[in-house]
Amino acid sequence: MFRALSDATRRDIVLRAMHEEQSVSTLARRYPMSFAAVQKHVAVLHNAGLVTKRRHGREQLVQGNVQTILEAHHLLDEFEAMWRNRIDRFGAVLAELDPPQPKGAKR
């Protein structure tokens, strides 16, 4: 999922597809690349579960998958909490190693 989001074009496609269902051809007109390249980006996003696709006649319609985005958000929140905890513990260790000196004391 995060590998799929590592590309700026794919992130933009997800954002657009979250706001409103988009056809691949509509998306392709927005980027300076071939239709096939946009199709490949959409396929990567679909394989990662970040978008869903459905056929409507000859068009493939793409919509953002809210559930997967929420799962990614939850996972990132867990990582953030873990790293904040580690930083807090690191700060406590540093404070123990270098206790505050009284005013006017020389180190």
PDB file of N, CA and C in Angstrom:
ATOM      1  N   MET A   1       0.822  -1.183   0.000  1.00  0.00           N
ATOM      2  CA  MET A   1       0.000   0.000   0.000  1.00  0.00           C
ATOM      3  C   MET A   1       0.875   1.258   0.000  1.00  0.00           C
ATOM      4  N   PHE A   2       1.875   1.285   0.874  1.00  0.00           N
ATOM      5  CA  PHE A   2       2.715   2.479   0.943  1.00  0.00           C
ATOM      6  C   PHE A   2       3.613   2.605  -0.287  1.00  0.00           C
ATOM      7  N   ARG A   3       4.005   1.489  -0.863  1.00  0.00           N
ATOM      8  CA  ARG A   3       4.776   1.552  -2.105  1.00  0.00           C
ATOM      9  C   ARG A   3       3.915   2.170  -3.210  1.00  0.00           C
ATOM     10  N   ALA A   4       2.654   1.798  -3.249  1.00  0.00           N
ATOM     11  CA  ALA A   4       1.751   2.368  -4.254  1.00  0.00           C
ATOM     12  C   ALA A   4       1.600   3.876  -4.059  1.00  0.00           C
ATOM     13  N   LEU A   5       1.620   4.323  -2.807  1.00  0.00           N
ATOM     14  CA  LEU A   5       1.456   5.748  -2.515  1.00  0.00           C
ATOM     15  C   LEU A   5       2.754   6.533  -2.610  1.00  0.00           C
ATOM     16  N   SER A   6       3.855   5.851  -2.888  1.00  0.00           N
ATOM     17  CA  SER A   6       5.141   6.544  -2.953  1.00  0.00           C
ATOM     18  C   SER A   6       5.267   7.424  -4.201  1.00  0.00           C
ATOM     19  N   ASP A   7       4.417   7.217  -5.178  1.00  0.00           N
ATOM     20  CA  ASP A   7       4.466   7.984  -6.422  1.00  0.00           C
ATOM     21  C   ASP A   7       3.461   9.139  -6.362  1.00  0.00           C
ATOM     22  N   ALA A   8       3.910  10.339  -6.723  1.00  0.00           N
ATOM     23  CA  ALA A   8       3.063  11.536  -6.649  1.00  0.00           C
ATOM     24  C   ALA A   8       1.832  11.435  -7.554  1.00  0.00           C
ATOM     25  N   THR A   9       1.984  10.863  -8.731  1.00  0.00           N
ATOM     26  CA  THR A   9       0.837  10.718  -9.639  1.00  0.00           C
ATOM     27  C   THR A   9      -0.205   9.798  -9.024  1.00  0.00           C
ATOM     28  N   ARG A  10       0.238   8.701  -8.446  1.00  0.00           N
ATOM     29  CA  ARG A  10      -0.713   7.774  -7.824  1.00  0.00           C
ATOM     30  C   ARG A  10      -1.401   8.412  -6.625  1.00  0.00           C
ATOM     31  N   ARG A  11      -0.672   9.192  -5.838  1.00  0.00           N
ATOM     32  CA  ARG A  11      -1.314   9.889  -4.715  1.00  0.00           C
ATOM     33  C   ARG A  11      -2.385  10.836  -5.232  1.00  0.00           C
ATOM     34  N   ASP A  12      -2.083  11.531  -6.326  1.00  0.00           N
ATOM     35  CA  ASP A  12      -3.053  12.454  -6.903  1.00  0.00           C
ATOM     36  C   ASP A  12      -4.275  11.711  -7.432  1.00  0.00           C
ATOM     37  N   ILE A  13      -4.060  10.581  -8.071  1.00  0.00           N
ATOM     38  CA  ILE A  13      -5.180   9.779  -8.573  1.00  0.00           C
ATOM     39  C   ILE A  13      -6.070   9.344  -7.413  1.00  0.00           C
ATOM     40  N   VAL A  14      -5.468   8.898  -6.323  1.00  0.00           N
ATOM     41  CA  VAL A  14      -6.265   8.485  -5.153  1.00  0.00           C
ATOM     42  C   VAL A  14      -7.080   9.660  -4.636  1.00  0.00           C
ATOM     43  N   LEU A  15      -6.462  10.820  -4.513  1.00  0.00           N
ATOM     44  CA  LEU A  15      -7.197  11.994  -4.021  1.00  0.00           C
ATOM     45  C   LEU A  15      -8.377  12.325  -4.922  1.00  0.00           C
ATOM     46  N   ARG A  16      -8.143  12.308  -6.224  1.00  0.00           N
ATOM     47  CA  ARG A  16      -9.235  12.607  -7.160  1.00  0.00           C
ATOM     48  C   ARG A  16     -10.341  11.553  -7.070  1.00  0.00           C
ATOM     49  N   ALA A  17      -9.938  10.298  -6.956  1.00  0.00           N
ATOM     50  CA  ALA A  17     -10.917   9.207  -6.897  1.00  0.00           C
ATOM     51  C   ALA A  17     -11.655   9.175  -5.559  1.00  0.00           C
ATOM     52  N   MET A  18     -11.065   9.759  -4.521  1.00  0.00           N
ATOM     53  CA  MET A  18     -11.761   9.835  -3.231  1.00  0.00           C
ATOM     54  C   MET A  18     -12.872  10.887  -3.288  1.00  0.00           C
ATOM     55  N   HIS A  19     -12.630  11.960  -4.030  1.00  0.00           N
ATOM     56  CA  HIS A  19     -13.632  13.031  -4.129  1.00  0.00           C
ATOM     57  C   HIS A  19     -14.813  12.612  -4.994  1.00  0.00           C
ATOM     58  N   GLU A  20     -14.500  11.886  -6.076  1.00  0.00           N
ATOM     59  CA  GLU A  20     -15.566  11.518  -7.014  1.00  0.00           C
ATOM     60  C   GLU A  20     -15.064  10.404  -7.920  1.00  0.00           C
ATOM     61  N   GLU A  21     -15.962   9.504  -8.263  1.00  0.00           N
ATOM     62  CA  GLU A  21     -15.616   8.421  -9.188  1.00  0.00           C
ATOM     63  C   GLU A  21     -15.143   9.032 -10.508  1.00  0.00           C
ATOM     64  N   GLN A  22     -14.054   8.500 -11.045  1.00  0.00           N
ATOM     65  CA  GLN A  22     -13.448   9.043 -12.258  1.00  0.00           C
ATOM     66  C   GLN A  22     -13.227   7.915 -13.257  1.00  0.00           C
ATOM     67  N   SER A  23     -13.401   8.206 -14.526  1.00  0.00           N
ATOM     68  CA  SER A  23     -13.033   7.223 -15.545  1.00  0.00           C
ATOM     69  C   SER A  23     -11.527   7.304 -15.760  1.00  0.00           C
ATOM     70  N   VAL A  24     -10.932   6.201 -16.185  1.00  0.00           N
ATOM     71  CA  VAL A  24      -9.500   6.194 -16.456  1.00  0.00           C
ATOM     72  C   VAL A  24      -9.181   7.193 -17.560  1.00  0.00           C
ATOM     73  N   SER A  25     -10.044   7.308 -18.557  1.00  0.00           N
ATOM     74  CA  SER A  25      -9.779   8.259 -19.643  1.00  0.00           C
ATOM     75  C   SER A  25      -9.821   9.702 -19.136  1.00  0.00           C
ATOM     76  N   THR A  26     -10.720  10.032 -18.215  1.00  0.00           N
ATOM     77  CA  THR A  26     -10.755  11.371 -17.618  1.00  0.00           C
ATOM     78  C   THR A  26      -9.475  11.624 -16.834  1.00  0.00           C
ATOM     79  N   LEU A  27      -9.051  10.635 -16.071  1.00  0.00           N
ATOM     80  CA  LEU A  27      -7.799  10.768 -15.321  1.00  0.00           C
ATOM     81  C   LEU A  27      -6.620  10.966 -16.271  1.00  0.00           C
ATOM     82  N   ALA A  28      -6.593  10.205 -17.350  1.00  0.00           N
ATOM     83  CA  ALA A  28      -5.464  10.253 -18.283  1.00  0.00           C
ATOM     84  C   ALA A  28      -5.294  11.642 -18.899  1.00  0.00           C
ATOM     85  N   ARG A  29      -6.391  12.360 -19.077  1.00  0.00           N
ATOM     86  CA  ARG A  29      -6.305  13.712 -19.657  1.00  0.00           C
ATOM     87  C   ARG A  29      -5.634  14.696 -18.705  1.00  0.00           C
ATOM     88  N   ARG A  30      -5.552  14.364 -17.439  1.00  0.00           N
ATOM     89  CA  ARG A  30      -5.007  15.278 -16.435  1.00  0.00           C
ATOM     90  C   ARG A  30      -3.487  15.193 -16.284  1.00  0.00           C
ATOM     91  N   TYR A  31      -2.880  14.191 -16.887  1.00  0.00           N
ATOM     92  CA  TYR A  31      -1.449  13.963 -16.669  1.00  0.00           C
ATOM     93  C   TYR A  31      -0.687  13.967 -17.988  1.00  0.00           C
ATOM     94  N   PRO A  32       0.554  14.441 -17.953  1.00  0.00           N
ATOM     95  CA  PRO A  32       1.367  14.483 -19.178  1.00  0.00           C
ATOM     96  C   PRO A  32       2.014  13.126 -19.458  1.00  0.00           C
ATOM     97  N   MET A  33       1.165  12.126 -19.617  1.00  0.00           N
ATOM     98  CA  MET A  33       1.653  10.777 -19.910  1.00  0.00           C
ATOM     99  C   MET A  33       0.595  10.059 -20.727  1.00  0.00           C
ATOM    100  N   SER A  34       0.942   8.907 -21.223  1.00  0.00           N
ATOM    101  CA  SER A  34       0.017   8.152 -22.071  1.00  0.00           C
ATOM    102  C   SER A  34      -1.128   7.553 -21.247  1.00  0.00           C
ATOM    103  N   PHE A  35      -2.187   7.226 -21.950  1.00  0.00           N
ATOM    104  CA  PHE A  35      -3.326   6.537 -21.338  1.00  0.00           C
ATOM    105  C   PHE A  35      -2.850   5.239 -20.697  1.00  0.00           C
ATOM    106  N   ALA A  36      -1.977   4.503 -21.394  1.00  0.00           N
ATOM    107  CA  ALA A  36      -1.466   3.223 -20.875  1.00  0.00           C
ATOM    108  C   ALA A  36      -0.705   3.417 -19.570  1.00  0.00           C
ATOM    109  N   ALA A  37       0.050   4.514 -19.463  1.00  0.00           N
ATOM    110  CA  ALA A  37       0.792   4.787 -18.226  1.00  0.00           C
ATOM    111  C   ALA A  37      -0.163   5.049 -17.067  1.00  0.00           C
ATOM    112  N   VAL A  38      -1.230   5.801 -17.330  1.00  0.00           N
ATOM    113  CA  VAL A  38      -2.224   6.063 -16.286  1.00  0.00           C
ATOM    114  C   VAL A  38      -2.926   4.760 -15.909  1.00  0.00           C
ATOM    115  N   GLN A  39      -3.230   3.931 -16.887  1.00  0.00           N
ATOM    116  CA  GLN A  39      -3.830   2.622 -16.605  1.00  0.00           C
ATOM    117  C   GLN A  39      -2.941   1.805 -15.672  1.00  0.00           C
ATOM    118  N   LYS A  40      -1.631   1.848 -15.901  1.00  0.00           N
ATOM    119  CA  LYS A  40      -0.695   1.109 -15.045  1.00  0.00           C
ATOM    120  C   LYS A  40      -0.704   1.668 -13.624  1.00  0.00           C
ATOM    121  N   HIS A  41      -0.753   2.987 -13.500  1.00  0.00           N
ATOM    122  CA  HIS A  41      -0.847   3.591 -12.167  1.00  0.00           C
ATOM    123  C   HIS A  41      -2.120   3.133 -11.459  1.00  0.00           C
ATOM    124  N   VAL A  42      -3.222   3.149 -12.183  1.00  0.00           N
ATOM    125  CA  VAL A  42      -4.499   2.721 -11.598  1.00  0.00           C
ATOM    126  C   VAL A  42      -4.416   1.240 -11.201  1.00  0.00           C
ATOM    127  N   ALA A  43      -3.770   0.420 -12.014  1.00  0.00           N
ATOM    128  CA  ALA A  43      -3.632  -1.004 -11.694  1.00  0.00           C
ATOM    129  C   ALA A  43      -2.825  -1.192 -10.408  1.00  0.00           C
ATOM    130  N   VAL A  44      -1.766  -0.424 -10.227  1.00  0.00           N
ATOM    131  CA  VAL A  44      -0.966  -0.510  -8.995  1.00  0.00           C
ATOM    132  C   VAL A  44      -1.827  -0.129  -7.794  1.00  0.00           C
ATOM    133  N   LEU A  45      -2.595   0.936  -7.930  1.00  0.00           N
ATOM    134  CA  LEU A  45      -3.477   1.370  -6.844  1.00  0.00           C
ATOM    135  C   LEU A  45      -4.562   0.332  -6.557  1.00  0.00           C
ATOM    136  N   HIS A  46      -5.093  -0.257  -7.595  1.00  0.00           N
ATOM    137  CA  HIS A  46      -6.121  -1.287  -7.435  1.00  0.00           C
ATOM    138  C   HIS A  46      -5.540  -2.523  -6.746  1.00  0.00           C
ATOM    139  N   ASN A  47      -4.364  -2.949  -7.162  1.00  0.00           N
ATOM    140  CA  ASN A  47      -3.723  -4.111  -6.545  1.00  0.00           C
ATOM    141  C   ASN A  47      -3.403  -3.871  -5.076  1.00  0.00           C
ATOM    142  N   ALA A  48      -3.141  -2.613  -4.717  1.00  0.00           N
ATOM    143  CA  ALA A  48      -2.859  -2.268  -3.324  1.00  0.00           C
ATOM    144  C   ALA A  48      -4.144  -2.072  -2.515  1.00  0.00           C
ATOM    145  N   GLY A  49      -5.291  -2.124  -3.194  1.00  0.00           N
ATOM    146  CA  GLY A  49      -6.567  -1.960  -2.506  1.00  0.00           C
ATOM    147  C   GLY A  49      -6.939  -0.515  -2.235  1.00  0.00           C
ATOM    148  N   LEU A  50      -6.225   0.424  -2.825  1.00  0.00           N
ATOM    149  CA  LEU A  50      -6.486   1.839  -2.572  1.00  0.00           C
ATOM    150  C   LEU A  50      -7.619   2.405  -3.421  1.00  0.00           C
ATOM    151  N   VAL A  51      -7.897   1.765  -4.537  1.00  0.00           N
ATOM    152  CA  VAL A  51      -9.036   2.152  -5.366  1.00  0.00           C
ATOM    153  C   VAL A  51      -9.784   0.895  -5.800  1.00  0.00           C
ATOM    154  N   THR A  52     -11.034   1.098  -6.143  1.00  0.00           N
ATOM    155  CA  THR A  52     -11.821   0.027  -6.740  1.00  0.00           C
ATOM    156  C   THR A  52     -12.100   0.424  -8.184  1.00  0.00           C
ATOM    157  N   LYS A  53     -12.309  -0.581  -9.022  1.00  0.00           N
ATOM    158  CA  LYS A  53     -12.624  -0.322 -10.432  1.00  0.00           C
ATOM    159  C   LYS A  53     -13.915  -1.051 -10.769  1.00  0.00           C
ATOM    160  N   ARG A  54     -14.684  -0.429 -11.644  1.00  0.00           N
ATOM    161  CA  ARG A  54     -15.873  -1.096 -12.178  1.00  0.00           C
ATOM    162  C   ARG A  54     -16.060  -0.648 -13.607  1.00  0.00           C
ATOM    163  N   ARG A  55     -16.643  -1.518 -14.378  1.00  0.00           N
ATOM    164  CA  ARG A  55     -16.910  -1.210 -15.787  1.00  0.00           C
ATOM    165  C   ARG A  55     -18.279  -0.569 -15.926  1.00  0.00           C
ATOM    166  N   HIS A  56     -18.307   0.449 -16.765  1.00  0.00           N
ATOM    167  CA  HIS A  56     -19.565   1.079 -17.137  1.00  0.00           C
ATOM    168  C   HIS A  56     -19.500   1.269 -18.648  1.00  0.00           C
ATOM    169  N   GLY A  57     -20.070   0.330 -19.377  1.00  0.00           N
ATOM    170  CA  GLY A  57     -19.941   0.342 -20.830  1.00  0.00           C
ATOM    171  C   GLY A  57     -18.496   0.097 -21.210  1.00  0.00           C
ATOM    172  N   ARG A  58     -17.935   1.006 -21.994  1.00  0.00           N
ATOM    173  CA  ARG A  58     -16.539   0.870 -22.420  1.00  0.00           C
ATOM    174  C   ARG A  58     -15.566   1.500 -21.426  1.00  0.00           C
ATOM    175  N   GLU A  59     -16.088   2.218 -20.459  1.00  0.00           N
ATOM    176  CA  GLU A  59     -15.240   2.942 -19.506  1.00  0.00           C
ATOM    177  C   GLU A  59     -14.949   2.106 -18.270  1.00  0.00           C
ATOM    178  N   GLN A  60     -13.762   2.313 -17.717  1.00  0.00           N
ATOM    179  CA  GLN A  60     -13.432   1.771 -16.407  1.00  0.00           C
ATOM    180  C   GLN A  60     -13.514   2.932 -15.439  1.00  0.00           C
ATOM    181  N   LEU A  61     -14.338   2.783 -14.417  1.00  0.00           N
ATOM    182  CA  LEU A  61     -14.512   3.840 -13.422  1.00  0.00           C
ATOM    183  C   LEU A  61     -13.716   3.490 -12.171  1.00  0.00           C
ATOM    184  N   VAL A  62     -13.065   4.477 -11.631  1.00  0.00           N
ATOM    185  CA  VAL A  62     -12.172   4.303 -10.488  1.00  0.00           C
ATOM    186  C   VAL A  62     -12.723   5.109  -9.315  1.00  0.00           C
ATOM    187  N   GLN A  63     -12.768   4.471  -8.154  1.00  0.00           N
ATOM    188  CA  GLN A  63     -13.219   5.160  -6.940  1.00  0.00           C
ATOM    189  C   GLN A  63     -12.263   4.819  -5.807  1.00  0.00           C
ATOM    190  N   GLY A  64     -11.997   5.799  -4.960  1.00  0.00           N
ATOM    191  CA  GLY A  64     -11.122   5.573  -3.812  1.00  0.00           C
ATOM    192  C   GLY A  64     -11.749   4.601  -2.838  1.00  0.00           C
ATOM    193  N   ASN A  65     -10.919   3.766  -2.242  1.00  0.00           N
ATOM    194  CA  ASN A  65     -11.394   2.786  -1.264  1.00  0.00           C
ATOM    195  C   ASN A  65     -11.169   3.367   0.133  1.00  0.00           C
ATOM    196  N   VAL A  66     -12.220   3.896   0.705  1.00  0.00           N
ATOM    197  CA  VAL A  66     -12.143   4.574   1.997  1.00  0.00           C
ATOM    198  C   VAL A  66     -11.632   3.631   3.083  1.00  0.00           C
ATOM    199  N   GLN A  67     -12.062   2.393   3.069  1.00  0.00           N
ATOM    200  CA  GLN A  67     -11.658   1.441   4.110  1.00  0.00           C
ATOM    201  C   GLN A  67     -10.139   1.256   4.144  1.00  0.00           C
ATOM    202  N   THR A  68      -9.517   1.120   2.987  1.00  0.00           N
ATOM    203  CA  THR A  68      -8.067   0.937   2.944  1.00  0.00           C
ATOM    204  C   THR A  68      -7.355   2.199   3.418  1.00  0.00           C
ATOM    205  N   ILE A  69      -7.868   3.356   3.057  1.00  0.00           N
ATOM    206  CA  ILE A  69      -7.269   4.619   3.505  1.00  0.00           C
ATOM    207  C   ILE A  69      -7.364   4.718   5.027  1.00  0.00           C
ATOM    208  N   LEU A  70      -8.505   4.330   5.594  1.00  0.00           N
ATOM    209  CA  LEU A  70      -8.654   4.349   7.055  1.00  0.00           C
ATOM    210  C   LEU A  70      -7.684   3.372   7.724  1.00  0.00           C
ATOM    211  N   GLU A  71      -7.474   2.199   7.118  1.00  0.00           N
ATOM    212  CA  GLU A  71      -6.517   1.237   7.668  1.00  0.00           C
ATOM    213  C   GLU A  71      -5.102   1.820   7.648  1.00  0.00           C
ATOM    214  N   ALA A  72      -4.738   2.495   6.561  1.00  0.00           N
ATOM    215  CA  ALA A  72      -3.423   3.120   6.464  1.00  0.00           C
ATOM    216  C   ALA A  72      -3.290   4.215   7.521  1.00  0.00           C
ATOM    217  N   HIS A  73      -4.334   4.991   7.701  1.00  0.00           N
ATOM    218  CA  HIS A  73      -4.329   6.054   8.708  1.00  0.00           C
ATOM    219  C   HIS A  73      -4.120   5.461  10.102  1.00  0.00           C
ATOM    220  N   HIS A  74      -4.826   4.393  10.406  1.00  0.00           N
ATOM    221  CA  HIS A  74      -4.701   3.728  11.708  1.00  0.00           C
ATOM    222  C   HIS A  74      -3.279   3.208  11.914  1.00  0.00           C
ATOM    223  N   LEU A  75      -2.729   2.577  10.898  1.00  0.00           N
ATOM    224  CA  LEU A  75      -1.366   2.046  10.986  1.00  0.00           C
ATOM    225  C   LEU A  75      -0.359   3.174  11.214  1.00  0.00           C
ATOM    226  N   LEU A  76      -0.510   4.267  10.477  1.00  0.00           N
ATOM    227  CA  LEU A  76       0.393   5.407  10.656  1.00  0.00           C
ATOM    228  C   LEU A  76       0.250   6.023  12.053  1.00  0.00           C
ATOM    229  N   ASP A  77      -0.972   6.061  12.592  1.00  0.00           N
ATOM    230  CA  ASP A  77      -1.174   6.539  13.962  1.00  0.00           C
ATOM    231  C   ASP A  77      -0.418   5.664  14.959  1.00  0.00           C
ATOM    232  N   GLU A  78      -0.446   4.346  14.746  1.00  0.00           N
ATOM    233  CA  GLU A  78       0.282   3.430  15.628  1.00  0.00           C
ATOM    234  C   GLU A  78       1.786   3.666  15.545  1.00  0.00           C
ATOM    235  N   PHE A  79       2.299   3.858  14.336  1.00  0.00           N
ATOM    236  CA  PHE A  79       3.727   4.153  14.175  1.00  0.00           C
ATOM    237  C   PHE A  79       4.093   5.470  14.861  1.00  0.00           C
ATOM    238  N   GLU A  80       3.240   6.474  14.684  1.00  0.00           N
ATOM    239  CA  GLU A  80       3.517   7.763  15.307  1.00  0.00           C
ATOM    240  C   GLU A  80       3.573   7.629  16.828  1.00  0.00           C
ATOM    241  N   ALA A  81       2.617   6.909  17.410  1.00  0.00           N
ATOM    242  CA  ALA A  81       2.603   6.710  18.863  1.00  0.00           C
ATOM    243  C   ALA A  81       3.862   5.984  19.324  1.00  0.00           C
ATOM    244  N   MET A  82       4.268   4.967  18.584  1.00  0.00           N
ATOM    245  CA  MET A  82       5.468   4.214  18.939  1.00  0.00           C
ATOM    246  C   MET A  82       6.696   5.127  18.931  1.00  0.00           C
ATOM    247  N   TRP A  83       6.854   5.931  17.867  1.00  0.00           N
ATOM    248  CA  TRP A  83       8.027   6.791  17.771  1.00  0.00           C
ATOM    249  C   TRP A  83       7.986   7.921  18.787  1.00  0.00           C
ATOM    250  N   ARG A  84       6.831   8.451  19.078  1.00  0.00           N
ATOM    251  CA  ARG A  84       6.744   9.491  20.114  1.00  0.00           C
ATOM    252  C   ARG A  84       7.148   8.910  21.468  1.00  0.00           C
ATOM    253  N   ASN A  85       6.723   7.685  21.744  1.00  0.00           N
ATOM    254  CA  ASN A  85       7.093   7.007  22.991  1.00  0.00           C
ATOM    255  C   ASN A  85       8.605   6.822  23.054  1.00  0.00           C
ATOM    256  N   ARG A  86       9.205   6.395  21.963  1.00  0.00           N
ATOM    257  CA  ARG A  86      10.657   6.196  21.929  1.00  0.00           C
ATOM    258  C   ARG A  86      11.404   7.519  22.138  1.00  0.00           C
ATOM    259  N   ILE A  87      10.908   8.572  21.524  1.00  0.00           N
ATOM    260  CA  ILE A  87      11.543   9.880  21.678  1.00  0.00           C
ATOM    261  C   ILE A  87      11.438  10.351  23.123  1.00  0.00           C
ATOM    262  N   ASP A  88      10.269  10.140  23.734  1.00  0.00           N
ATOM    263  CA  ASP A  88      10.097  10.519  25.139  1.00  0.00           C
ATOM    264  C   ASP A  88      11.056   9.749  26.036  1.00  0.00           C
ATOM    265  N   ARG A  89      11.192   8.440  25.793  1.00  0.00           N
ATOM    266  CA  ARG A  89      12.118   7.627  26.595  1.00  0.00           C
ATOM    267  C   ARG A  89      13.563   8.070  26.368  1.00  0.00           C
ATOM    268  N   PHE A  90      13.896   8.403  25.133  1.00  0.00           N
ATOM    269  CA  PHE A  90      15.243   8.868  24.813  1.00  0.00           C
ATOM    270  C   PHE A  90      15.532  10.165  25.560  1.00  0.00           C
ATOM    271  N   GLY A  91      14.562  11.060  25.588  1.00  0.00           N
ATOM    272  CA  GLY A  91      14.708  12.315  26.327  1.00  0.00           C
ATOM    273  C   GLY A  91      14.921  12.073  27.810  1.00  0.00           C
ATOM    274  N   ALA A  92      14.207  11.096  28.370  1.00  0.00           N
ATOM    275  CA  ALA A  92      14.368  10.771  29.788  1.00  0.00           C
ATOM    276  C   ALA A  92      15.766  10.235  30.065  1.00  0.00           C
ATOM    277  N   VAL A  93      16.292   9.389  29.177  1.00  0.00           N
ATOM    278  CA  VAL A  93      17.644   8.859  29.341  1.00  0.00           C
ATOM    279  C   VAL A  93      18.662   9.987  29.279  1.00  0.00           C
ATOM    280  N   LEU A  94      18.508  10.891  28.346  1.00  0.00           N
ATOM    281  CA  LEU A  94      19.432  12.026  28.245  1.00  0.00           C
ATOM    282  C   LEU A  94      19.375  12.902  29.491  1.00  0.00           C
ATOM    283  N   ALA A  95      18.188  13.084  30.042  1.00  0.00           N
ATOM    284  CA  ALA A  95      18.047  13.897  31.248  1.00  0.00           C
ATOM    285  C   ALA A  95      18.766  13.249  32.427  1.00  0.00           C
ATOM    286  N   GLU A  96      18.725  11.930  32.507  1.00  0.00           N
ATOM    287  CA  GLU A  96      19.427  11.222  33.585  1.00  0.00           C
ATOM    288  C   GLU A  96      20.940  11.334  33.416  1.00  0.00           C
ATOM    289  N   LEU A  97      21.419  11.329  32.196  1.00  0.00           N
ATOM    290  CA  LEU A  97      22.855  11.405  31.941  1.00  0.00           C
ATOM    291  C   LEU A  97      23.414  12.794  32.207  1.00  0.00           C
ATOM    292  N   ASP A  98      22.609  13.806  32.035  1.00  0.00           N
ATOM    293  CA  ASP A  98      23.067  15.183  32.181  1.00  0.00           C
ATOM    294  C   ASP A  98      22.068  15.943  33.040  1.00  0.00           C
ATOM    295  N   PRO A  99      22.119  15.720  34.378  1.00  0.00           N
ATOM    296  CA  PRO A  99      21.146  16.398  35.242  1.00  0.00           C
ATOM    297  C   PRO A  99      21.353  17.908  35.198  1.00  0.00           C
ATOM    298  N   PRO A 100      20.289  18.654  35.414  1.00  0.00           N
ATOM    299  CA  PRO A 100      20.397  20.120  35.373  1.00  0.00           C
ATOM    300  C   PRO A 100      21.382  20.600  36.457  1.00  0.00           C
ATOM    301  N   GLN A 101      22.163  21.600  36.116  1.00  0.00           N
ATOM    302  CA  GLN A 101      23.132  22.188  37.036  1.00  0.00           C
ATOM    303  C   GLN A 101      22.479  23.382  37.738  1.00  0.00           C
ATOM    304  N   PRO A 102      22.863  23.610  39.015  1.00  0.00           N
ATOM    305  CA  PRO A 102      22.348  24.804  39.686  1.00  0.00           C
ATOM    306  C   PRO A 102      22.828  26.066  38.971  1.00  0.00           C
ATOM    307  N   LYS A 103      22.067  27.138  39.109  1.00  0.00           N
ATOM    308  CA  LYS A 103      22.442  28.394  38.462  1.00  0.00           C
ATOM    309  C   LYS A 103      23.796  28.850  38.971  1.00  0.00           C
ATOM    310  N   GLY A 104      24.616  29.297  38.054  1.00  0.00           N
ATOM    311  CA  GLY A 104      25.927  29.779  38.389  1.00  0.00           C
ATOM    312  C   GLY A 104      26.990  28.701  38.466  1.00  0.00           C
ATOM    313  N   ALA A 105      26.591  27.430  38.425  1.00  0.00           N
ATOM    314  CA  ALA A 105      27.565  26.324  38.481  1.00  0.00           C
ATOM    315  C   ALA A 105      28.240  26.173  37.125  1.00  0.00           C
ATOM    316  N   LYS A 106      29.526  25.837  37.158  1.00  0.00           N
ATOM    317  CA  LYS A 106      30.252  25.633  35.920  1.00  0.00           C
ATOM    318  C   LYS A 106      30.300  24.153  35.616  1.00  0.00           C
ATOM    319  N   ARG A 107      30.247  23.834  34.332  1.00  0.00           N
ATOM    320  CA  ARG A 107      30.313  22.433  33.908  1.00  0.00           C
ATOM    321  C   ARG A 107      31.709  22.024  33.634  1.00  0.00           C
TER     322      ARG A 107
END
